[in-house]
Amino acid sequence: PDRNSDRRPPDTHPCLPVLICDCMYENASRKELLPGTTRLALLVVGVADRFIMEPTLRHIVAPAARQGILVHYHLQLSLTWNGILNDKYRTGVQAVGPFAHLTADKIQAVVKGYASLYGARGVTVVVKDRDEVDPISNSLVERGRFFAYHAPHRIHVGENQLRRLRALEELWNRTKAREGPRFYTHVIVAREDLYLYRDVRVDTQMFSKLDRAYKFYCLVKPVQLAWDRFFVVGGLVADKMMRMYSEFYHNPNKMLDYTHTPEHHLQRLAQVYGIVFQPMPLSVAPHYVARYVQRSRNTTSLCLRDTFTTPLNSTDTTYWAGRKVHLRYYDKRRS
């Protein structure tokens, strides 16, 4: 919708809105879907400053669309959190992404155009000024319901981790309200700072069991956990796995107490519901964790970090992680 659309919430400033837009949606009805059609939902949540759009569209949406898979792209971004970055590899260079300079309307227009170009037949974009989290009561703290490495009731980083879980659940609930909890055969969850460099194929035998979740491992001492930056969930269990935020507050199961990280919480929640996590090799979805940095006044660059081990070797500490890729599809000079 344009600026005068009735979809805009009343009394909302155009630069700081909560903009919810089904920008473009599925022309084909359910009746036209052939039996056995793979239906994929791609859910991306995060902060506008760190949002990396094109690699995910190029390597998930486009190959799936070419295979005849029905793909819906769902995005929820926050314009501000609290400025605290959970990144031990931070070099002091301020991260500035191209979407940080755009209004919500502009973000909507850019995402709609690119997602449709790459083959998404449904696009939802939610842009919020800020995601707030519910307070953690003393009773929850006393029972051990927090992330030990970054306790949300003590550290802003832990609070941001809860914000991400809340955003993911909100986005899923909005998606579910439109399509139902079991419309999709597969759901992919990706963070906004994921940089894929090869195609992801969900039509392979590996993802054939729809009652499982598929994930990478990351080593978080003293345990090996599910990697929360990218995972695939079978459509039969997606609705349970998307409740990470609500279950943190309301599920009394003791297995969810004393978790180390959100990854640990994710893995414990799967165990509570009896959902099998099947590991997948990095070759299924090769990716890096990425960060925008400001190289000069008019140039934005994208720097990559190794996903599972140590930062990429570099003698140059000017750029985060030392590996530099110039931003190709959209930069500050063209905004």
C-alpha atoms as a PDB file:
ATOM      1  CA  PRO A   1       0.000   0.000   0.000  1.00  0.00           C
ATOM      2  CA  ASP A   2       1.070   3.595  -0.522  1.00  0.00           C
ATOM      3  CA  ARG A   3       1.475   6.232   2.143  1.00  0.00           C
ATOM      4  CA  ASN A   4      -2.254   6.989   2.170  1.00  0.00           C
ATOM      5  CA  SER A   5      -3.316   3.375   2.499  1.00  0.00           C
ATOM      6  CA  ASP A   6      -5.817   2.467   5.192  1.00  0.00           C
ATOM      7  CA  ARG A   7      -3.498  -0.333   6.274  1.00  0.00           C
ATOM      8  CA  ARG A   8      -1.250   2.165   8.065  1.00  0.00           C
ATOM      9  CA  PRO A   9      -2.029   2.252  11.809  1.00  0.00           C
ATOM     10  CA  PRO A  10      -3.556   5.582  12.827  1.00  0.00           C
ATOM     11  CA  ASP A  11      -1.403   8.372  14.275  1.00  0.00           C
ATOM     12  CA  THR A  12       1.822   6.727  13.159  1.00  0.00           C
ATOM     13  CA  HIS A  13       4.756   8.864  12.102  1.00  0.00           C
ATOM     14  CA  PRO A  14       6.104   7.742   8.696  1.00  0.00           C
ATOM     15  CA  CYS A  15       9.654   7.445  10.045  1.00  0.00           C
ATOM     16  CA  LEU A  16       8.850   5.520  13.216  1.00  0.00           C
ATOM     17  CA  PRO A  17       5.926   3.246  12.371  1.00  0.00           C
ATOM     18  CA  VAL A  18       4.657  -0.162  13.158  1.00  0.00           C
ATOM     19  CA  LEU A  19       3.996  -1.027   9.535  1.00  0.00           C
ATOM     20  CA  ILE A  20       2.341  -4.355   8.812  1.00  0.00           C
ATOM     21  CA  CYS A  21       1.944  -5.044   5.150  1.00  0.00           C
ATOM     22  CA  ASP A  22       0.985  -8.075   3.110  1.00  0.00           C
ATOM     23  CA  CYS A  23       2.824  -6.374   0.284  1.00  0.00           C
ATOM     24  CA  MET A  24       2.116  -8.991  -2.324  1.00  0.00           C
ATOM     25  CA  TYR A  25       0.314 -12.204  -1.780  1.00  0.00           C
ATOM     26  CA  GLU A  26      -0.229 -15.526  -3.482  1.00  0.00           C
ATOM     27  CA  ASN A  27      -2.358 -15.411  -6.576  1.00  0.00           C
ATOM     28  CA  ALA A  28      -2.816 -19.167  -6.618  1.00  0.00           C
ATOM     29  CA  SER A  29      -5.450 -20.461  -4.236  1.00  0.00           C
ATOM     30  CA  ARG A  30      -5.049 -23.625  -2.197  1.00  0.00           C
ATOM     31  CA  LYS A  31      -7.336 -25.444  -4.624  1.00  0.00           C
ATOM     32  CA  GLU A  32      -4.782 -24.928  -7.385  1.00  0.00           C
ATOM     33  CA  LEU A  33      -1.951 -26.556  -5.423  1.00  0.00           C
ATOM     34  CA  LEU A  34      -1.242 -30.041  -6.678  1.00  0.00           C
ATOM     35  CA  PRO A  35      -1.142 -32.888  -4.150  1.00  0.00           C
ATOM     36  CA  GLY A  36       2.357 -33.242  -2.787  1.00  0.00           C
ATOM     37  CA  THR A  37       3.339 -29.642  -3.574  1.00  0.00           C
ATOM     38  CA  THR A  38       6.139 -28.445  -1.334  1.00  0.00           C
ATOM     39  CA  ARG A  39       5.147 -25.235   0.444  1.00  0.00           C
ATOM     40  CA  LEU A  40       7.968 -23.275   2.035  1.00  0.00           C
ATOM     41  CA  ALA A  41       7.809 -20.380   4.494  1.00  0.00           C
ATOM     42  CA  LEU A  42      10.994 -18.388   5.002  1.00  0.00           C
ATOM     43  CA  LEU A  43      10.922 -16.387   8.243  1.00  0.00           C
ATOM     44  CA  VAL A  44      13.564 -13.706   8.789  1.00  0.00           C
ATOM     45  CA  VAL A  45      13.682 -11.564  11.943  1.00  0.00           C
ATOM     46  CA  GLY A  46      16.143  -9.042  13.295  1.00  0.00           C
ATOM     47  CA  VAL A  47      17.256  -5.424  13.293  1.00  0.00           C
ATOM     48  CA  ALA A  48      17.126  -3.163  10.239  1.00  0.00           C
ATOM     49  CA  ASP A  49      20.715  -1.991  10.792  1.00  0.00           C
ATOM     50  CA  ARG A  50      22.042  -5.521  10.228  1.00  0.00           C
ATOM     51  CA  PHE A  51      19.578  -6.756   7.613  1.00  0.00           C
ATOM     52  CA  ILE A  52      21.217  -8.548   4.659  1.00  0.00           C
ATOM     53  CA  MET A  53      18.552  -9.159   2.070  1.00  0.00           C
ATOM     54  CA  GLU A  54      19.843 -10.444  -1.234  1.00  0.00           C
ATOM     55  CA  PRO A  55      21.874 -13.588  -0.331  1.00  0.00           C
ATOM     56  CA  THR A  56      18.896 -15.189   1.384  1.00  0.00           C
ATOM     57  CA  LEU A  57      16.590 -14.428  -1.523  1.00  0.00           C
ATOM     58  CA  ARG A  58      19.140 -15.542  -4.085  1.00  0.00           C
ATOM     59  CA  HIS A  59      20.021 -18.837  -2.407  1.00  0.00           C
ATOM     60  CA  ILE A  60      16.738 -19.913  -0.765  1.00  0.00           C
ATOM     61  CA  VAL A  61      13.795 -18.279  -2.535  1.00  0.00           C
ATOM     62  CA  ALA A  62      15.104 -18.384  -6.118  1.00  0.00           C
ATOM     63  CA  PRO A  63      16.210 -22.057  -6.267  1.00  0.00           C
ATOM     64  CA  ALA A  64      13.029 -23.164  -4.507  1.00  0.00           C
ATOM     65  CA  ALA A  65      10.858 -21.240  -6.967  1.00  0.00           C
ATOM     66  CA  ARG A  66      12.753 -22.782  -9.891  1.00  0.00           C
ATOM     67  CA  GLN A  67      11.940 -26.226  -8.502  1.00  0.00           C
ATOM     68  CA  GLY A  68       8.213 -25.433  -8.498  1.00  0.00           C
ATOM     69  CA  ILE A  69       8.033 -24.931  -4.730  1.00  0.00           C
ATOM     70  CA  LEU A  70       5.501 -22.429  -3.413  1.00  0.00           C
ATOM     71  CA  VAL A  71       7.575 -19.906  -1.449  1.00  0.00           C
ATOM     72  CA  HIS A  72       6.331 -17.260   0.953  1.00  0.00           C
ATOM     73  CA  TYR A  73       8.797 -14.742   2.372  1.00  0.00           C
ATOM     74  CA  HIS A  74       7.989 -13.275   5.796  1.00  0.00           C
ATOM     75  CA  LEU A  75      10.137 -10.536   7.332  1.00  0.00           C
ATOM     76  CA  GLN A  76       9.971  -8.675  10.635  1.00  0.00           C
ATOM     77  CA  LEU A  77      12.495  -5.937  11.396  1.00  0.00           C
ATOM     78  CA  SER A  78      12.932  -3.617  14.346  1.00  0.00           C
ATOM     79  CA  LEU A  79      14.245  -0.120  13.658  1.00  0.00           C
ATOM     80  CA  THR A  80      15.893   0.106  17.091  1.00  0.00           C
ATOM     81  CA  TRP A  81      16.726  -2.215  19.936  1.00  0.00           C
ATOM     82  CA  ASN A  82      19.124  -0.805  22.482  1.00  0.00           C
ATOM     83  CA  GLY A  83      22.379  -0.517  20.587  1.00  0.00           C
ATOM     84  CA  ILE A  84      24.020  -3.416  22.403  1.00  0.00           C
ATOM     85  CA  LEU A  85      25.659  -5.945  20.075  1.00  0.00           C
ATOM     86  CA  ASN A  86      26.268  -9.546  21.127  1.00  0.00           C
ATOM     87  CA  ASP A  87      29.514  -9.908  19.212  1.00  0.00           C
ATOM     88  CA  LYS A  88      32.839 -10.845  20.755  1.00  0.00           C
ATOM     89  CA  TYR A  89      34.521 -10.195  17.405  1.00  0.00           C
ATOM     90  CA  ARG A  90      33.511  -6.554  17.298  1.00  0.00           C
ATOM     91  CA  THR A  91      36.430  -4.331  16.347  1.00  0.00           C
ATOM     92  CA  GLY A  92      34.959  -0.985  17.280  1.00  0.00           C
ATOM     93  CA  VAL A  93      33.905  -0.106  13.728  1.00  0.00           C
ATOM     94  CA  GLN A  94      30.272   0.947  13.780  1.00  0.00           C
ATOM     95  CA  ALA A  95      27.977  -1.394  11.878  1.00  0.00           C
ATOM     96  CA  VAL A  96      25.823   0.580   9.451  1.00  0.00           C
ATOM     97  CA  GLY A  97      23.628  -1.267   6.964  1.00  0.00           C
ATOM     98  CA  PRO A  98      21.814   0.261   3.991  1.00  0.00           C
ATOM     99  CA  PHE A  99      18.380  -0.346   5.507  1.00  0.00           C
ATOM    100  CA  ALA A 100      19.260   1.744   8.563  1.00  0.00           C
ATOM    101  CA  HIS A 101      18.746   4.913   6.502  1.00  0.00           C
ATOM    102  CA  LEU A 102      15.342   3.980   5.114  1.00  0.00           C
ATOM    103  CA  THR A 103      11.833   4.644   6.357  1.00  0.00           C
ATOM    104  CA  ALA A 104       9.512   1.710   6.905  1.00  0.00           C
ATOM    105  CA  ASP A 105       7.739   2.452   3.616  1.00  0.00           C
ATOM    106  CA  LYS A 106      11.015   2.342   1.738  1.00  0.00           C
ATOM    107  CA  ILE A 107      12.036  -0.929   3.402  1.00  0.00           C
ATOM    108  CA  GLN A 108       8.693  -2.385   2.408  1.00  0.00           C
ATOM    109  CA  ALA A 109       9.088  -1.306  -1.211  1.00  0.00           C
ATOM    110  CA  VAL A 110      12.644  -2.608  -1.557  1.00  0.00           C
ATOM    111  CA  VAL A 111      11.899  -5.982   0.037  1.00  0.00           C
ATOM    112  CA  LYS A 112       8.712  -6.430  -1.982  1.00  0.00           C
ATOM    113  CA  GLY A 113      10.493  -5.730  -5.240  1.00  0.00           C
ATOM    114  CA  TYR A 114      13.427  -8.031  -4.621  1.00  0.00           C
ATOM    115  CA  ALA A 115      11.403 -10.895  -3.097  1.00  0.00           C
ATOM    116  CA  SER A 116       8.999 -10.945  -6.036  1.00  0.00           C
ATOM    117  CA  LEU A 117      11.901 -10.712  -8.474  1.00  0.00           C
ATOM    118  CA  TYR A 118      13.448 -13.840  -6.967  1.00  0.00           C
ATOM    119  CA  GLY A 119      10.201 -15.809  -7.091  1.00  0.00           C
ATOM    120  CA  ALA A 120       8.369 -15.386  -3.787  1.00  0.00           C
ATOM    121  CA  ARG A 121       4.626 -15.717  -4.363  1.00  0.00           C
ATOM    122  CA  GLY A 122       3.772 -14.225  -0.989  1.00  0.00           C
ATOM    123  CA  VAL A 123       5.558 -11.450   0.870  1.00  0.00           C
ATOM    124  CA  THR A 124       4.845 -10.069   4.323  1.00  0.00           C
ATOM    125  CA  VAL A 125       6.887  -7.225   5.792  1.00  0.00           C
ATOM    126  CA  VAL A 126       6.546  -6.033   9.380  1.00  0.00           C
ATOM    127  CA  VAL A 127       8.598  -3.033  10.501  1.00  0.00           C
ATOM    128  CA  LYS A 128       8.425  -1.973  14.134  1.00  0.00           C
ATOM    129  CA  ASP A 129      10.056   0.858  15.982  1.00  0.00           C
ATOM    130  CA  ARG A 130      11.126  -1.401  18.846  1.00  0.00           C
ATOM    131  CA  ASP A 131      10.373  -4.877  20.188  1.00  0.00           C
ATOM    132  CA  GLU A 132       9.712  -4.905  23.903  1.00  0.00           C
ATOM    133  CA  VAL A 133       9.886  -7.985  26.101  1.00  0.00           C
ATOM    134  CA  ASP A 134       7.836  -8.989  29.103  1.00  0.00           C
ATOM    135  CA  PRO A 135       9.508  -8.503  32.488  1.00  0.00           C
ATOM    136  CA  ILE A 136      11.113 -11.558  34.033  1.00  0.00           C
ATOM    137  CA  SER A 137       9.567 -12.079  37.430  1.00  0.00           C
ATOM    138  CA  ASN A 138      11.522 -12.975  40.557  1.00  0.00           C
ATOM    139  CA  SER A 139       9.835 -16.366  40.595  1.00  0.00           C
ATOM    140  CA  LEU A 140      11.207 -17.135  37.123  1.00  0.00           C
ATOM    141  CA  VAL A 141      14.692 -16.068  38.171  1.00  0.00           C
ATOM    142  CA  GLU A 142      14.534 -18.146  41.348  1.00  0.00           C
ATOM    143  CA  ARG A 143      13.627 -21.271  39.404  1.00  0.00           C
ATOM    144  CA  GLY A 144      16.470 -20.675  36.933  1.00  0.00           C
ATOM    145  CA  ARG A 145      14.482 -19.562  33.909  1.00  0.00           C
ATOM    146  CA  PHE A 146      17.148 -17.469  32.180  1.00  0.00           C
ATOM    147  CA  PHE A 147      20.090 -17.834  29.805  1.00  0.00           C
ATOM    148  CA  ALA A 148      23.153 -18.373  31.972  1.00  0.00           C
ATOM    149  CA  TYR A 149      25.619 -16.777  29.541  1.00  0.00           C
ATOM    150  CA  HIS A 150      23.579 -13.594  29.056  1.00  0.00           C
ATOM    151  CA  ALA A 151      20.852 -13.416  31.678  1.00  0.00           C
ATOM    152  CA  PRO A 152      18.022 -11.240  30.257  1.00  0.00           C
ATOM    153  CA  HIS A 153      17.184  -9.777  33.684  1.00  0.00           C
ATOM    154  CA  ARG A 154      20.774  -8.542  34.090  1.00  0.00           C
ATOM    155  CA  ILE A 155      22.346  -7.934  30.672  1.00  0.00           C
ATOM    156  CA  HIS A 156      21.039  -6.053  27.644  1.00  0.00           C
ATOM    157  CA  VAL A 157      22.417  -8.713  25.304  1.00  0.00           C
ATOM    158  CA  GLY A 158      20.199 -11.345  26.938  1.00  0.00           C
ATOM    159  CA  GLU A 159      17.238  -8.992  26.679  1.00  0.00           C
ATOM    160  CA  ASN A 160      17.921  -8.621  22.951  1.00  0.00           C
ATOM    161  CA  GLN A 161      18.010 -12.394  22.599  1.00  0.00           C
ATOM    162  CA  LEU A 162      14.501 -12.513  24.058  1.00  0.00           C
ATOM    163  CA  ARG A 163      13.435  -9.737  21.680  1.00  0.00           C
ATOM    164  CA  ARG A 164      14.473 -11.907  18.767  1.00  0.00           C
ATOM    165  CA  LEU A 165      12.459 -14.858  20.088  1.00  0.00           C
ATOM    166  CA  ARG A 166       9.434 -12.629  20.534  1.00  0.00           C
ATOM    167  CA  ALA A 167       9.733 -11.222  17.018  1.00  0.00           C
ATOM    168  CA  LEU A 168       9.959 -14.714  15.564  1.00  0.00           C
ATOM    169  CA  GLU A 169       6.867 -15.892  17.429  1.00  0.00           C
ATOM    170  CA  GLU A 170       4.905 -12.780  16.432  1.00  0.00           C
ATOM    171  CA  LEU A 171       5.836 -13.259  12.798  1.00  0.00           C
ATOM    172  CA  TRP A 172       4.864 -16.926  12.898  1.00  0.00           C
ATOM    173  CA  ASN A 173       1.534 -16.151  14.585  1.00  0.00           C
ATOM    174  CA  ARG A 174       0.738 -13.628  11.861  1.00  0.00           C
ATOM    175  CA  THR A 175       1.670 -16.182   9.218  1.00  0.00           C
ATOM    176  CA  LYS A 176      -0.331 -18.911  10.930  1.00  0.00           C
ATOM    177  CA  ALA A 177      -3.413 -16.697  11.172  1.00  0.00           C
ATOM    178  CA  ARG A 178      -3.411 -16.369   7.391  1.00  0.00           C
ATOM    179  CA  GLU A 179      -2.438 -19.885   6.297  1.00  0.00           C
ATOM    180  CA  GLY A 180      -3.096 -22.140   9.287  1.00  0.00           C
ATOM    181  CA  PRO A 181      -0.503 -23.937  11.435  1.00  0.00           C
ATOM    182  CA  ARG A 182       0.094 -26.816   8.986  1.00  0.00           C
ATOM    183  CA  PHE A 183      -0.186 -25.214   5.563  1.00  0.00           C
ATOM    184  CA  TYR A 184       3.563 -25.251   4.975  1.00  0.00           C
ATOM    185  CA  THR A 185       5.525 -28.440   4.494  1.00  0.00           C
ATOM    186  CA  HIS A 186       8.750 -26.696   5.526  1.00  0.00           C
ATOM    187  CA  VAL A 187       9.630 -23.602   7.523  1.00  0.00           C
ATOM    188  CA  ILE A 188      13.092 -22.053   7.361  1.00  0.00           C
ATOM    189  CA  VAL A 189      14.117 -19.622  10.096  1.00  0.00           C
ATOM    190  CA  ALA A 190      17.035 -17.303   9.377  1.00  0.00           C
ATOM    191  CA  ARG A 191      18.587 -14.386  11.169  1.00  0.00           C
ATOM    192  CA  GLU A 192      18.883 -11.070   9.421  1.00  0.00           C
ATOM    193  CA  ASP A 193      22.715 -11.158   9.405  1.00  0.00           C
ATOM    194  CA  LEU A 194      23.085 -14.487   7.600  1.00  0.00           C
ATOM    195  CA  TYR A 195      25.165 -14.478   4.425  1.00  0.00           C
ATOM    196  CA  LEU A 196      24.495 -17.548   2.277  1.00  0.00           C
ATOM    197  CA  TYR A 197      26.842 -18.205  -0.632  1.00  0.00           C
ATOM    198  CA  ARG A 198      25.318 -21.349  -2.196  1.00  0.00           C
ATOM    199  CA  ASP A 199      21.814 -22.566  -2.906  1.00  0.00           C
ATOM    200  CA  VAL A 200      19.719 -24.300  -0.248  1.00  0.00           C
ATOM    201  CA  ARG A 201      17.622 -27.194  -1.544  1.00  0.00           C
ATOM    202  CA  VAL A 202      14.584 -28.198   0.492  1.00  0.00           C
ATOM    203  CA  ASP A 203      13.401 -30.715  -2.118  1.00  0.00           C
ATOM    204  CA  THR A 204      16.118 -33.215  -1.165  1.00  0.00           C
ATOM    205  CA  GLN A 205      15.608 -36.524   0.627  1.00  0.00           C
ATOM    206  CA  MET A 206      17.192 -35.084   3.741  1.00  0.00           C
ATOM    207  CA  PHE A 207      14.196 -32.878   4.516  1.00  0.00           C
ATOM    208  CA  SER A 208      11.584 -35.509   3.717  1.00  0.00           C
ATOM    209  CA  LYS A 209      10.463 -36.117   7.317  1.00  0.00           C
ATOM    210  CA  LEU A 210       8.086 -33.343   8.232  1.00  0.00           C
ATOM    211  CA  ASP A 211       7.942 -34.178  11.946  1.00  0.00           C
ATOM    212  CA  ARG A 212      11.582 -33.232  12.515  1.00  0.00           C
ATOM    213  CA  ALA A 213      13.756 -30.164  12.805  1.00  0.00           C
ATOM    214  CA  TYR A 214      17.036 -29.874  10.941  1.00  0.00           C
ATOM    215  CA  LYS A 215      19.929 -27.831  12.262  1.00  0.00           C
ATOM    216  CA  PHE A 216      23.637 -27.194  12.330  1.00  0.00           C
ATOM    217  CA  TYR A 217      25.641 -27.755  15.482  1.00  0.00           C
ATOM    218  CA  CYS A 218      27.590 -24.996  17.163  1.00  0.00           C
ATOM    219  CA  LEU A 219      29.961 -25.586  20.023  1.00  0.00           C
ATOM    220  CA  VAL A 220      28.959 -23.617  23.100  1.00  0.00           C
ATOM    221  CA  LYS A 221      31.000 -25.015  25.955  1.00  0.00           C
ATOM    222  CA  PRO A 222      30.303 -27.290  27.683  1.00  0.00           C
ATOM    223  CA  VAL A 223      27.614 -28.535  25.284  1.00  0.00           C
ATOM    224  CA  GLN A 224      27.033 -28.800  21.547  1.00  0.00           C
ATOM    225  CA  LEU A 225      23.846 -26.988  20.601  1.00  0.00           C
ATOM    226  CA  ALA A 226      21.488 -26.295  17.743  1.00  0.00           C
ATOM    227  CA  TRP A 227      22.616 -23.298  15.685  1.00  0.00           C
ATOM    228  CA  ASP A 228      19.855 -20.698  15.929  1.00  0.00           C
ATOM    229  CA  ARG A 229      20.916 -18.523  12.976  1.00  0.00           C
ATOM    230  CA  PHE A 230      19.511 -20.988  10.463  1.00  0.00           C
ATOM    231  CA  PHE A 231      17.323 -24.038  10.920  1.00  0.00           C
ATOM    232  CA  VAL A 232      14.628 -25.923   9.046  1.00  0.00           C
ATOM    233  CA  VAL A 233      11.453 -27.205  10.686  1.00  0.00           C
ATOM    234  CA  GLY A 234       9.054 -29.761   9.263  1.00  0.00           C
ATOM    235  CA  GLY A 235       5.542 -28.454   8.797  1.00  0.00           C
ATOM    236  CA  LEU A 236       4.003 -30.936  11.234  1.00  0.00           C
ATOM    237  CA  VAL A 237       5.985 -29.566  14.189  1.00  0.00           C
ATOM    238  CA  ALA A 238       6.627 -25.954  13.154  1.00  0.00           C
ATOM    239  CA  ASP A 239       3.880 -24.528  15.349  1.00  0.00           C
ATOM    240  CA  LYS A 240       5.471 -26.035  18.455  1.00  0.00           C
ATOM    241  CA  MET A 241       8.990 -24.931  17.614  1.00  0.00           C
ATOM    242  CA  MET A 242       7.932 -21.339  16.987  1.00  0.00           C
ATOM    243  CA  ARG A 243       6.741 -20.885  20.587  1.00  0.00           C
ATOM    244  CA  MET A 244      10.196 -20.331  22.063  1.00  0.00           C
ATOM    245  CA  TYR A 245       9.301 -16.967  23.571  1.00  0.00           C
ATOM    246  CA  SER A 246       6.002 -17.981  25.181  1.00  0.00           C
ATOM    247  CA  GLU A 247       7.423 -21.261  26.441  1.00  0.00           C
ATOM    248  CA  PHE A 248      10.273 -19.392  28.103  1.00  0.00           C
ATOM    249  CA  TYR A 249       7.774 -17.558  30.300  1.00  0.00           C
ATOM    250  CA  HIS A 250       4.917 -20.012  30.683  1.00  0.00           C
ATOM    251  CA  ASN A 251       6.033 -23.628  30.302  1.00  0.00           C
ATOM    252  CA  PRO A 252       6.642 -25.074  33.790  1.00  0.00           C
ATOM    253  CA  ASN A 253       8.734 -27.988  32.516  1.00  0.00           C
ATOM    254  CA  LYS A 254      12.020 -28.044  34.435  1.00  0.00           C
ATOM    255  CA  MET A 255      13.931 -28.993  31.301  1.00  0.00           C
ATOM    256  CA  LEU A 256      13.635 -25.350  30.235  1.00  0.00           C
ATOM    257  CA  ASP A 257      15.344 -24.097  33.404  1.00  0.00           C
ATOM    258  CA  TYR A 258      19.053 -23.279  33.634  1.00  0.00           C
ATOM    259  CA  THR A 259      19.751 -23.117  29.912  1.00  0.00           C
ATOM    260  CA  HIS A 260      23.014 -21.625  28.680  1.00  0.00           C
ATOM    261  CA  THR A 261      21.865 -19.734  25.574  1.00  0.00           C
ATOM    262  CA  PRO A 262      18.866 -19.344  23.247  1.00  0.00           C
ATOM    263  CA  GLU A 263      20.325 -22.265  21.267  1.00  0.00           C
ATOM    264  CA  HIS A 264      20.179 -24.378  24.410  1.00  0.00           C
ATOM    265  CA  HIS A 265      16.591 -23.255  25.033  1.00  0.00           C
ATOM    266  CA  LEU A 266      15.701 -24.218  21.460  1.00  0.00           C
ATOM    267  CA  GLN A 267      17.198 -27.675  21.884  1.00  0.00           C
ATOM    268  CA  ARG A 268      15.525 -28.262  25.256  1.00  0.00           C
ATOM    269  CA  LEU A 269      12.155 -27.184  23.852  1.00  0.00           C
ATOM    270  CA  ALA A 270      12.489 -29.768  21.105  1.00  0.00           C
ATOM    271  CA  GLN A 271      13.173 -32.402  23.758  1.00  0.00           C
ATOM    272  CA  VAL A 272      10.119 -31.324  25.761  1.00  0.00           C
ATOM    273  CA  TYR A 273       7.914 -31.920  22.727  1.00  0.00           C
ATOM    274  CA  GLY A 274       9.733 -35.059  21.629  1.00  0.00           C
ATOM    275  CA  ILE A 275      10.905 -33.477  18.372  1.00  0.00           C
ATOM    276  CA  VAL A 276      14.007 -35.015  16.822  1.00  0.00           C
ATOM    277  CA  PHE A 277      16.735 -32.630  15.772  1.00  0.00           C
ATOM    278  CA  GLN A 278      18.524 -34.043  12.755  1.00  0.00           C
ATOM    279  CA  PRO A 279      21.960 -32.521  12.103  1.00  0.00           C
ATOM    280  CA  MET A 280      22.755 -31.285   8.628  1.00  0.00           C
ATOM    281  CA  PRO A 281      26.174 -30.623   7.109  1.00  0.00           C
ATOM    282  CA  LEU A 282      27.302 -27.108   6.300  1.00  0.00           C
ATOM    283  CA  SER A 283      27.189 -28.008   2.611  1.00  0.00           C
ATOM    284  CA  VAL A 284      23.379 -27.963   2.776  1.00  0.00           C
ATOM    285  CA  ALA A 285      23.323 -24.221   3.483  1.00  0.00           C
ATOM    286  CA  PRO A 286      26.852 -22.785   3.292  1.00  0.00           C
ATOM    287  CA  HIS A 287      26.915 -19.433   5.018  1.00  0.00           C
ATOM    288  CA  TYR A 288      28.820 -16.897   7.044  1.00  0.00           C
ATOM    289  CA  VAL A 289      27.780 -14.545   9.787  1.00  0.00           C
ATOM    290  CA  ALA A 290      28.066 -11.026   8.388  1.00  0.00           C
ATOM    291  CA  ARG A 291      28.299  -7.475   9.607  1.00  0.00           C
ATOM    292  CA  TYR A 292      28.056  -4.111   7.886  1.00  0.00           C
ATOM    293  CA  VAL A 293      30.863  -1.641   8.519  1.00  0.00           C
ATOM    294  CA  GLN A 294      31.481   1.913   7.403  1.00  0.00           C
ATOM    295  CA  ARG A 295      34.684   2.063   5.315  1.00  0.00           C
ATOM    296  CA  SER A 296      34.375   5.733   4.501  1.00  0.00           C
ATOM    297  CA  ARG A 297      31.761   8.445   4.520  1.00  0.00           C
ATOM    298  CA  ASN A 298      30.013   7.160   1.391  1.00  0.00           C
ATOM    299  CA  THR A 299      30.928   3.485   1.250  1.00  0.00           C
ATOM    300  CA  THR A 300      29.312   0.601   3.085  1.00  0.00           C
ATOM    301  CA  SER A 301      31.018  -2.795   3.103  1.00  0.00           C
ATOM    302  CA  LEU A 302      29.995  -6.230   4.253  1.00  0.00           C
ATOM    303  CA  CYS A 303      32.455  -8.248   6.332  1.00  0.00           C
ATOM    304  CA  LEU A 304      32.184 -11.975   6.955  1.00  0.00           C
ATOM    305  CA  ARG A 305      33.117 -14.227   9.869  1.00  0.00           C
ATOM    306  CA  ASP A 306      33.682 -17.954   9.867  1.00  0.00           C
ATOM    307  CA  THR A 307      30.549 -19.687  11.089  1.00  0.00           C
ATOM    308  CA  PHE A 308      31.674 -22.432  13.424  1.00  0.00           C
ATOM    309  CA  THR A 309      35.279 -21.966  14.474  1.00  0.00           C
ATOM    310  CA  THR A 310      37.363 -18.832  14.932  1.00  0.00           C
ATOM    311  CA  PRO A 311      37.307 -15.463  13.182  1.00  0.00           C
ATOM    312  CA  LEU A 312      38.860 -15.372   9.754  1.00  0.00           C
ATOM    313  CA  ASN A 313      42.573 -14.725   9.977  1.00  0.00           C
ATOM    314  CA  SER A 314      43.549 -11.160   9.296  1.00  0.00           C
ATOM    315  CA  THR A 315      46.320  -8.695  10.074  1.00  0.00           C
ATOM    316  CA  ASP A 316      43.952  -5.832   9.320  1.00  0.00           C
ATOM    317  CA  THR A 317      41.840  -4.959  12.364  1.00  0.00           C
ATOM    318  CA  THR A 318      40.125  -2.051  10.634  1.00  0.00           C
ATOM    319  CA  TYR A 319      37.423  -4.310   9.246  1.00  0.00           C
ATOM    320  CA  TRP A 320      35.377  -6.679  11.318  1.00  0.00           C
ATOM    321  CA  ALA A 321      36.740 -10.239  10.917  1.00  0.00           C
ATOM    322  CA  GLY A 322      39.076  -9.093   8.186  1.00  0.00           C
ATOM    323  CA  ARG A 323      37.198 -10.417   5.173  1.00  0.00           C
ATOM    324  CA  LYS A 324      35.722  -7.669   3.034  1.00  0.00           C
ATOM    325  CA  VAL A 325      33.031  -7.822   0.373  1.00  0.00           C
ATOM    326  CA  HIS A 326      31.766  -4.615  -1.200  1.00  0.00           C
ATOM    327  CA  LEU A 327      28.004  -4.238  -0.929  1.00  0.00           C
ATOM    328  CA  ARG A 328      26.676  -4.795  -4.452  1.00  0.00           C
ATOM    329  CA  TYR A 329      22.921  -4.418  -4.477  1.00  0.00           C
ATOM    330  CA  TYR A 330      22.197  -1.334  -2.410  1.00  0.00           C
ATOM    331  CA  ASP A 331      24.443   1.132  -0.612  1.00  0.00           C
ATOM    332  CA  LYS A 332      24.226   4.469   1.097  1.00  0.00           C
ATOM    333  CA  ARG A 333      25.266   6.411  -1.981  1.00  0.00           C
ATOM    334  CA  ARG A 334      22.117   5.269  -3.807  1.00  0.00           C
ATOM    335  CA  SER A 335      19.706   5.622  -0.899  1.00  0.00           C
END
